[in-house]
Amino acid sequence: MSLNLYTPAGGLYGTHVTWEDIEEDMQRELDTVASFGPNKTAKDIGDN
């Protein structure tokens, strides 16, 4: 099976983006070791 952007994945909202990806990017860009912690949530801003 080939992986591509059209293949559902195990990340946020079925994407290939994970909490770990976001956390690592933010830590690198903001030069911090802060983390989201166990109670993190995500909200689809398209939901009403």
C-alpha atoms as a PDB file:
ATOM      1  CA  MET A   1       0.000   0.000   0.000  1.00  0.00           C
ATOM      2  CA  SER A   2       1.402   3.390  -0.949  1.00  0.00           C
ATOM      3  CA  LEU A   3       1.107   6.316   1.434  1.00  0.00           C
ATOM      4  CA  ASN A   4      -0.102   9.623   0.076  1.00  0.00           C
ATOM      5  CA  LEU A   5      -2.191  12.585   1.160  1.00  0.00           C
ATOM      6  CA  TYR A   6      -5.362  10.890  -0.064  1.00  0.00           C
ATOM      7  CA  THR A   7      -4.861   7.855   2.201  1.00  0.00           C
ATOM      8  CA  PRO A   8      -6.527   8.207   5.640  1.00  0.00           C
ATOM      9  CA  ALA A   9      -3.984   8.056   8.447  1.00  0.00           C
ATOM     10  CA  GLY A  10      -3.816   7.797  12.229  1.00  0.00           C
ATOM     11  CA  GLY A  11      -3.148  11.462  12.953  1.00  0.00           C
ATOM     12  CA  LEU A  12      -5.464  14.291  13.923  1.00  0.00           C
ATOM     13  CA  TYR A  13      -8.821  14.056  12.161  1.00  0.00           C
ATOM     14  CA  GLY A  14      -7.565  11.167  10.041  1.00  0.00           C
ATOM     15  CA  THR A  15      -4.626  13.150   8.633  1.00  0.00           C
ATOM     16  CA  HIS A  16      -0.915  12.380   8.611  1.00  0.00           C
ATOM     17  CA  VAL A  17      -0.286  15.155  11.185  1.00  0.00           C
ATOM     18  CA  THR A  18       0.168  13.921  14.757  1.00  0.00           C
ATOM     19  CA  TRP A  19       0.338  15.691  18.111  1.00  0.00           C
ATOM     20  CA  GLU A  20       4.008  14.737  18.177  1.00  0.00           C
ATOM     21  CA  ASP A  21       4.595  16.509  14.842  1.00  0.00           C
ATOM     22  CA  ILE A  22       2.956  19.695  16.089  1.00  0.00           C
ATOM     23  CA  GLU A  23       4.692  19.588  19.460  1.00  0.00           C
ATOM     24  CA  GLU A  24       8.143  19.028  17.914  1.00  0.00           C
ATOM     25  CA  ASP A  25       7.635  21.873  15.418  1.00  0.00           C
ATOM     26  CA  MET A  26       6.468  24.288  18.130  1.00  0.00           C
ATOM     27  CA  GLN A  27       9.341  23.336  20.443  1.00  0.00           C
ATOM     28  CA  ARG A  28      11.864  23.898  17.669  1.00  0.00           C
ATOM     29  CA  GLU A  29      10.376  27.177  16.409  1.00  0.00           C
ATOM     30  CA  LEU A  30       9.742  28.639  19.872  1.00  0.00           C
ATOM     31  CA  ASP A  31      13.006  27.270  21.348  1.00  0.00           C
ATOM     32  CA  THR A  32      11.224  25.622  24.269  1.00  0.00           C
ATOM     33  CA  VAL A  33      10.826  22.227  25.894  1.00  0.00           C
ATOM     34  CA  ALA A  34       7.206  22.902  26.887  1.00  0.00           C
ATOM     35  CA  SER A  35       4.723  20.195  25.959  1.00  0.00           C
ATOM     36  CA  PHE A  36       0.947  19.990  25.544  1.00  0.00           C
ATOM     37  CA  GLY A  37       0.408  17.450  28.317  1.00  0.00           C
ATOM     38  CA  PRO A  38      -2.161  14.655  28.605  1.00  0.00           C
ATOM     39  CA  ASN A  39      -5.337  16.807  28.487  1.00  0.00           C
ATOM     40  CA  LYS A  40      -4.828  18.317  25.031  1.00  0.00           C
ATOM     41  CA  THR A  41      -7.769  18.576  22.663  1.00  0.00           C
ATOM     42  CA  ALA A  42      -8.320  19.610  19.082  1.00  0.00           C
ATOM     43  CA  LYS A  43     -11.384  21.274  17.604  1.00  0.00           C
ATOM     44  CA  ASP A  44     -12.259  21.386  13.935  1.00  0.00           C
ATOM     45  CA  ILE A  45     -12.985  25.100  13.507  1.00  0.00           C
ATOM     46  CA  GLY A  46     -15.265  24.191  10.623  1.00  0.00           C
ATOM     47  CA  ASP A  47     -17.649  22.479  13.076  1.00  0.00           C
ATOM     48  CA  ASN A  48     -20.569  24.610  14.226  1.00  0.00           C
END
